[in-house]
Amino acid sequence: MTIVGVLPREIYTPTAIVGFVSTHANDPVAARALLEYLVSPDAQAIFREAGFEPHK
């Protein structure tokens, strides 16, 4: 993928990305661990480097 530019905030609607553990998850403990990692400072730093911003 080639990124040719960044859209200014004024012309796009931010998209929320939601995570959850399904009641049908094969391994709900692992699913919960993944979600906990995704909100960790280490993962948030990776997201910020990729241009994502955490929801406040």
PDB file of N, CA and C in Angstrom:
ATOM      1  N   MET A   1       0.851  -1.164   0.000  1.00  0.00           N
ATOM      2  CA  MET A   1       0.000   0.000   0.000  1.00  0.00           C
ATOM      3  C   MET A   1       0.898   1.229   0.000  1.00  0.00           C
ATOM      4  N   THR A   2       0.511   2.228  -0.757  1.00  0.00           N
ATOM      5  CA  THR A   2       1.230   3.491  -0.798  1.00  0.00           C
ATOM      6  C   THR A   2       0.337   4.583  -0.236  1.00  0.00           C
ATOM      7  N   ILE A   3       0.818   5.280   0.768  1.00  0.00           N
ATOM      8  CA  ILE A   3       0.073   6.405   1.333  1.00  0.00           C
ATOM      9  C   ILE A   3       0.558   7.657   0.630  1.00  0.00           C
ATOM     10  N   VAL A   4      -0.369   8.361   0.004  1.00  0.00           N
ATOM     11  CA  VAL A   4       0.012   9.550  -0.759  1.00  0.00           C
ATOM     12  C   VAL A   4      -0.246  10.840   0.002  1.00  0.00           C
ATOM     13  N   GLY A   5      -0.951  10.752   1.118  1.00  0.00           N
ATOM     14  CA  GLY A   5      -1.209  11.947   1.904  1.00  0.00           C
ATOM     15  C   GLY A   5      -2.156  11.652   3.045  1.00  0.00           C
ATOM     16  N   VAL A   6      -2.314  12.607   3.902  1.00  0.00           N
ATOM     17  CA  VAL A   6      -3.200  12.484   5.049  1.00  0.00           C
ATOM     18  C   VAL A   6      -4.344  13.462   4.872  1.00  0.00           C
ATOM     19  N   LEU A   7      -5.571  12.974   5.065  1.00  0.00           N
ATOM     20  CA  LEU A   7      -6.730  13.855   4.954  1.00  0.00           C
ATOM     21  C   LEU A   7      -6.779  14.801   6.149  1.00  0.00           C
ATOM     22  N   PRO A   8      -7.066  16.060   5.904  1.00  0.00           N
ATOM     23  CA  PRO A   8      -7.234  16.995   7.019  1.00  0.00           C
ATOM     24  C   PRO A   8      -8.446  16.597   7.865  1.00  0.00           C
ATOM     25  N   ARG A   9      -8.361  16.795   9.162  1.00  0.00           N
ATOM     26  CA  ARG A   9      -9.457  16.433  10.070  1.00  0.00           C
ATOM     27  C   ARG A   9     -10.789  17.076   9.677  1.00  0.00           C
ATOM     28  N   GLU A  10     -10.725  18.232   9.067  1.00  0.00           N
ATOM     29  CA  GLU A  10     -11.956  18.955   8.738  1.00  0.00           C
ATOM     30  C   GLU A  10     -12.795  18.246   7.681  1.00  0.00           C
ATOM     31  N   ILE A  11     -12.214  17.316   6.919  1.00  0.00           N
ATOM     32  CA  ILE A  11     -12.970  16.723   5.810  1.00  0.00           C
ATOM     33  C   ILE A  11     -13.237  15.226   5.964  1.00  0.00           C
ATOM     34  N   TYR A  12     -13.016  14.674   7.144  1.00  0.00           N
ATOM     35  CA  TYR A  12     -13.359  13.271   7.326  1.00  0.00           C
ATOM     36  C   TYR A  12     -13.971  13.048   8.701  1.00  0.00           C
ATOM     37  N   THR A  13     -14.701  11.956   8.816  1.00  0.00           N
ATOM     38  CA  THR A  13     -15.293  11.572  10.084  1.00  0.00           C
ATOM     39  C   THR A  13     -14.455  10.452  10.686  1.00  0.00           C
ATOM     40  N   PRO A  14     -13.921  10.640  11.882  1.00  0.00           N
ATOM     41  CA  PRO A  14     -13.136   9.572  12.505  1.00  0.00           C
ATOM     42  C   PRO A  14     -13.975   8.302  12.675  1.00  0.00           C
ATOM     43  N   THR A  15     -13.334   7.170  12.570  1.00  0.00           N
ATOM     44  CA  THR A  15     -13.994   5.882  12.717  1.00  0.00           C
ATOM     45  C   THR A  15     -13.540   5.231  14.017  1.00  0.00           C
ATOM     46  N   ALA A  16     -14.489   4.844  14.829  1.00  0.00           N
ATOM     47  CA  ALA A  16     -14.163   4.147  16.078  1.00  0.00           C
ATOM     48  C   ALA A  16     -13.968   2.664  15.785  1.00  0.00           C
ATOM     49  N   ILE A  17     -12.946   2.090  16.380  1.00  0.00           N
ATOM     50  CA  ILE A  17     -12.695   0.661  16.262  1.00  0.00           C
ATOM     51  C   ILE A  17     -12.989   0.054  17.627  1.00  0.00           C
ATOM     52  N   VAL A  18     -13.895  -0.908  17.649  1.00  0.00           N
ATOM     53  CA  VAL A  18     -14.370  -1.483  18.904  1.00  0.00           C
ATOM     54  C   VAL A  18     -13.899  -2.924  19.024  1.00  0.00           C
ATOM     55  N   GLY A  19     -13.496  -3.315  20.213  1.00  0.00           N
ATOM     56  CA  GLY A  19     -13.125  -4.700  20.468  1.00  0.00           C
ATOM     57  C   GLY A  19     -13.983  -5.267  21.584  1.00  0.00           C
ATOM     58  N   PHE A  20     -14.269  -6.551  21.507  1.00  0.00           N
ATOM     59  CA  PHE A  20     -15.065  -7.202  22.545  1.00  0.00           C
ATOM     60  C   PHE A  20     -14.769  -8.692  22.546  1.00  0.00           C
ATOM     61  N   VAL A  21     -15.154  -9.354  23.609  1.00  0.00           N
ATOM     62  CA  VAL A  21     -15.016 -10.802  23.699  1.00  0.00           C
ATOM     63  C   VAL A  21     -16.397 -11.403  23.481  1.00  0.00           C
ATOM     64  N   SER A  22     -16.519 -12.186  22.439  1.00  0.00           N
ATOM     65  CA  SER A  22     -17.792 -12.830  22.114  1.00  0.00           C
ATOM     66  C   SER A  22     -18.128 -13.908  23.142  1.00  0.00           C
ATOM     67  N   THR A  23     -19.399 -14.092  23.384  1.00  0.00           N
ATOM     68  CA  THR A  23     -19.826 -15.187  24.264  1.00  0.00           C
ATOM     69  C   THR A  23     -19.541 -16.541  23.622  1.00  0.00           C
ATOM     70  N   HIS A  24     -19.242 -16.551  22.326  1.00  0.00           N
ATOM     71  CA  HIS A  24     -18.929 -17.788  21.605  1.00  0.00           C
ATOM     72  C   HIS A  24     -17.425 -17.947  21.372  1.00  0.00           C
ATOM     73  N   ALA A  25     -16.607 -17.137  22.003  1.00  0.00           N
ATOM     74  CA  ALA A  25     -15.157 -17.205  21.803  1.00  0.00           C
ATOM     75  C   ALA A  25     -14.627 -18.578  22.219  1.00  0.00           C
ATOM     76  N   ASN A  26     -13.748 -19.146  21.391  1.00  0.00           N
ATOM     77  CA  ASN A  26     -13.131 -20.432  21.730  1.00  0.00           C
ATOM     78  C   ASN A  26     -12.223 -20.313  22.946  1.00  0.00           C
ATOM     79  N   ASP A  27     -11.593 -19.157  23.108  1.00  0.00           N
ATOM     80  CA  ASP A  27     -10.673 -18.944  24.226  1.00  0.00           C
ATOM     81  C   ASP A  27     -10.871 -17.528  24.755  1.00  0.00           C
ATOM     82  N   PRO A  28     -11.903 -17.329  25.576  1.00  0.00           N
ATOM     83  CA  PRO A  28     -12.196 -15.977  26.056  1.00  0.00           C
ATOM     84  C   PRO A  28     -11.072 -15.367  26.892  1.00  0.00           C
ATOM     85  N   VAL A  29     -10.288 -16.189  27.560  1.00  0.00           N
ATOM     86  CA  VAL A  29      -9.170 -15.658  28.351  1.00  0.00           C
ATOM     87  C   VAL A  29      -8.130 -15.044  27.418  1.00  0.00           C
ATOM     88  N   ALA A  30      -7.820 -15.735  26.327  1.00  0.00           N
ATOM     89  CA  ALA A  30      -6.862 -15.202  25.350  1.00  0.00           C
ATOM     90  C   ALA A  30      -7.425 -13.964  24.666  1.00  0.00           C
ATOM     91  N   ALA A  31      -8.722 -13.976  24.365  1.00  0.00           N
ATOM     92  CA  ALA A  31      -9.348 -12.817  23.726  1.00  0.00           C
ATOM     93  C   ALA A  31      -9.261 -11.602  24.639  1.00  0.00           C
ATOM     94  N   ARG A  32      -9.513 -11.808  25.914  1.00  0.00           N
ATOM     95  CA  ARG A  32      -9.432 -10.710  26.886  1.00  0.00           C
ATOM     96  C   ARG A  32      -7.992 -10.209  27.008  1.00  0.00           C
ATOM     97  N   ALA A  33      -7.035 -11.141  26.977  1.00  0.00           N
ATOM     98  CA  ALA A  33      -5.624 -10.754  27.050  1.00  0.00           C
ATOM     99  C   ALA A  33      -5.237  -9.901  25.846  1.00  0.00           C
ATOM    100  N   LEU A  34      -5.746 -10.253  24.670  1.00  0.00           N
ATOM    101  CA  LEU A  34      -5.470  -9.449  23.477  1.00  0.00           C
ATOM    102  C   LEU A  34      -6.028  -8.042  23.645  1.00  0.00           C
ATOM    103  N   LEU A  35      -7.262  -7.934  24.104  1.00  0.00           N
ATOM    104  CA  LEU A  35      -7.861  -6.610  24.305  1.00  0.00           C
ATOM    105  C   LEU A  35      -7.059  -5.797  25.322  1.00  0.00           C
ATOM    106  N   GLU A  36      -6.619  -6.440  26.386  1.00  0.00           N
ATOM    107  CA  GLU A  36      -5.824  -5.730  27.390  1.00  0.00           C
ATOM    108  C   GLU A  36      -4.503  -5.255  26.800  1.00  0.00           C
ATOM    109  N   TYR A  37      -3.900  -6.073  25.935  1.00  0.00           N
ATOM    110  CA  TYR A  37      -2.660  -5.643  25.280  1.00  0.00           C
ATOM    111  C   TYR A  37      -2.924  -4.449  24.363  1.00  0.00           C
ATOM    112  N   LEU A  38      -4.014  -4.489  23.610  1.00  0.00           N
ATOM    113  CA  LEU A  38      -4.298  -3.426  22.639  1.00  0.00           C
ATOM    114  C   LEU A  38      -4.482  -2.060  23.292  1.00  0.00           C
ATOM    115  N   VAL A  39      -4.861  -2.026  24.560  1.00  0.00           N
ATOM    116  CA  VAL A  39      -5.003  -0.740  25.256  1.00  0.00           C
ATOM    117  C   VAL A  39      -3.784  -0.422  26.126  1.00  0.00           C
ATOM    118  N   SER A  40      -2.766  -1.273  26.063  1.00  0.00           N
ATOM    119  CA  SER A  40      -1.553  -1.051  26.858  1.00  0.00           C
ATOM    120  C   SER A  40      -0.739   0.104  26.280  1.00  0.00           C
ATOM    121  N   PRO A  41       0.109   0.712  27.083  1.00  0.00           N
ATOM    122  CA  PRO A  41       0.966   1.798  26.581  1.00  0.00           C
ATOM    123  C   PRO A  41       1.836   1.368  25.395  1.00  0.00           C
ATOM    124  N   ASP A  42       2.360   0.138  25.420  1.00  0.00           N
ATOM    125  CA  ASP A  42       3.199  -0.332  24.306  1.00  0.00           C
ATOM    126  C   ASP A  42       2.412  -0.375  22.999  1.00  0.00           C
ATOM    127  N   ALA A  43       1.217  -0.963  23.048  1.00  0.00           N
ATOM    128  CA  ALA A  43       0.403  -1.055  21.833  1.00  0.00           C
ATOM    129  C   ALA A  43      -0.073   0.323  21.393  1.00  0.00           C
ATOM    130  N   GLN A  44      -0.438   1.176  22.338  1.00  0.00           N
ATOM    131  CA  GLN A  44      -0.901   2.517  21.986  1.00  0.00           C
ATOM    132  C   GLN A  44       0.197   3.312  21.291  1.00  0.00           C
ATOM    133  N   ALA A  45       1.447   3.102  21.686  1.00  0.00           N
ATOM    134  CA  ALA A  45       2.565   3.778  21.013  1.00  0.00           C
ATOM    135  C   ALA A  45       2.663   3.323  19.559  1.00  0.00           C
ATOM    136  N   ILE A  46       2.456   2.040  19.323  1.00  0.00           N
ATOM    137  CA  ILE A  46       2.484   1.516  17.950  1.00  0.00           C
ATOM    138  C   ILE A  46       1.342   2.116  17.140  1.00  0.00           C
ATOM    139  N   PHE A  47       0.146   2.178  17.732  1.00  0.00           N
ATOM    140  CA  PHE A  47      -0.995   2.777  17.036  1.00  0.00           C
ATOM    141  C   PHE A  47      -0.722   4.237  16.695  1.00  0.00           C
ATOM    142  N   ARG A  48      -0.160   4.992  17.654  1.00  0.00           N
ATOM    143  CA  ARG A  48       0.140   6.409  17.398  1.00  0.00           C
ATOM    144  C   ARG A  48       1.131   6.559  16.249  1.00  0.00           C
ATOM    145  N   GLU A  49       2.155   5.694  16.214  1.00  0.00           N
ATOM    146  CA  GLU A  49       3.131   5.739  15.120  1.00  0.00           C
ATOM    147  C   GLU A  49       2.465   5.491  13.770  1.00  0.00           C
ATOM    148  N   ALA A  50       1.374   4.721  13.775  1.00  0.00           N
ATOM    149  CA  ALA A  50       0.650   4.419  12.539  1.00  0.00           C
ATOM    150  C   ALA A  50      -0.410   5.468  12.224  1.00  0.00           C
ATOM    151  N   GLY A  51      -0.522   6.510  13.057  1.00  0.00           N
ATOM    152  CA  GLY A  51      -1.463   7.590  12.785  1.00  0.00           C
ATOM    153  C   GLY A  51      -2.803   7.461  13.476  1.00  0.00           C
ATOM    154  N   PHE A  52      -2.958   6.471  14.349  1.00  0.00           N
ATOM    155  CA  PHE A  52      -4.208   6.316  15.093  1.00  0.00           C
ATOM    156  C   PHE A  52      -4.127   7.126  16.373  1.00  0.00           C
ATOM    157  N   GLU A  53      -5.289   7.532  16.872  1.00  0.00           N
ATOM    158  CA  GLU A  53      -5.360   8.246  18.139  1.00  0.00           C
ATOM    159  C   GLU A  53      -6.323   7.505  19.049  1.00  0.00           C
ATOM    160  N   PRO A  54      -5.974   7.347  20.332  1.00  0.00           N
ATOM    161  CA  PRO A  54      -6.889   6.649  21.241  1.00  0.00           C
ATOM    162  C   PRO A  54      -8.128   7.490  21.520  1.00  0.00           C
ATOM    163  N   HIS A  55      -9.233   6.799  21.747  1.00  0.00           N
ATOM    164  CA  HIS A  55     -10.474   7.475  22.133  1.00  0.00           C
ATOM    165  C   HIS A  55     -10.318   7.976  23.559  1.00  0.00           C
ATOM    166  N   LYS A  56     -10.866   9.145  23.831  1.00  0.00           N
ATOM    167  CA  LYS A  56     -10.754   9.711  25.183  1.00  0.00           C
ATOM    168  C   LYS A  56     -12.092   9.745  25.854  1.00  0.00           C
TER     169      LYS A  56
END
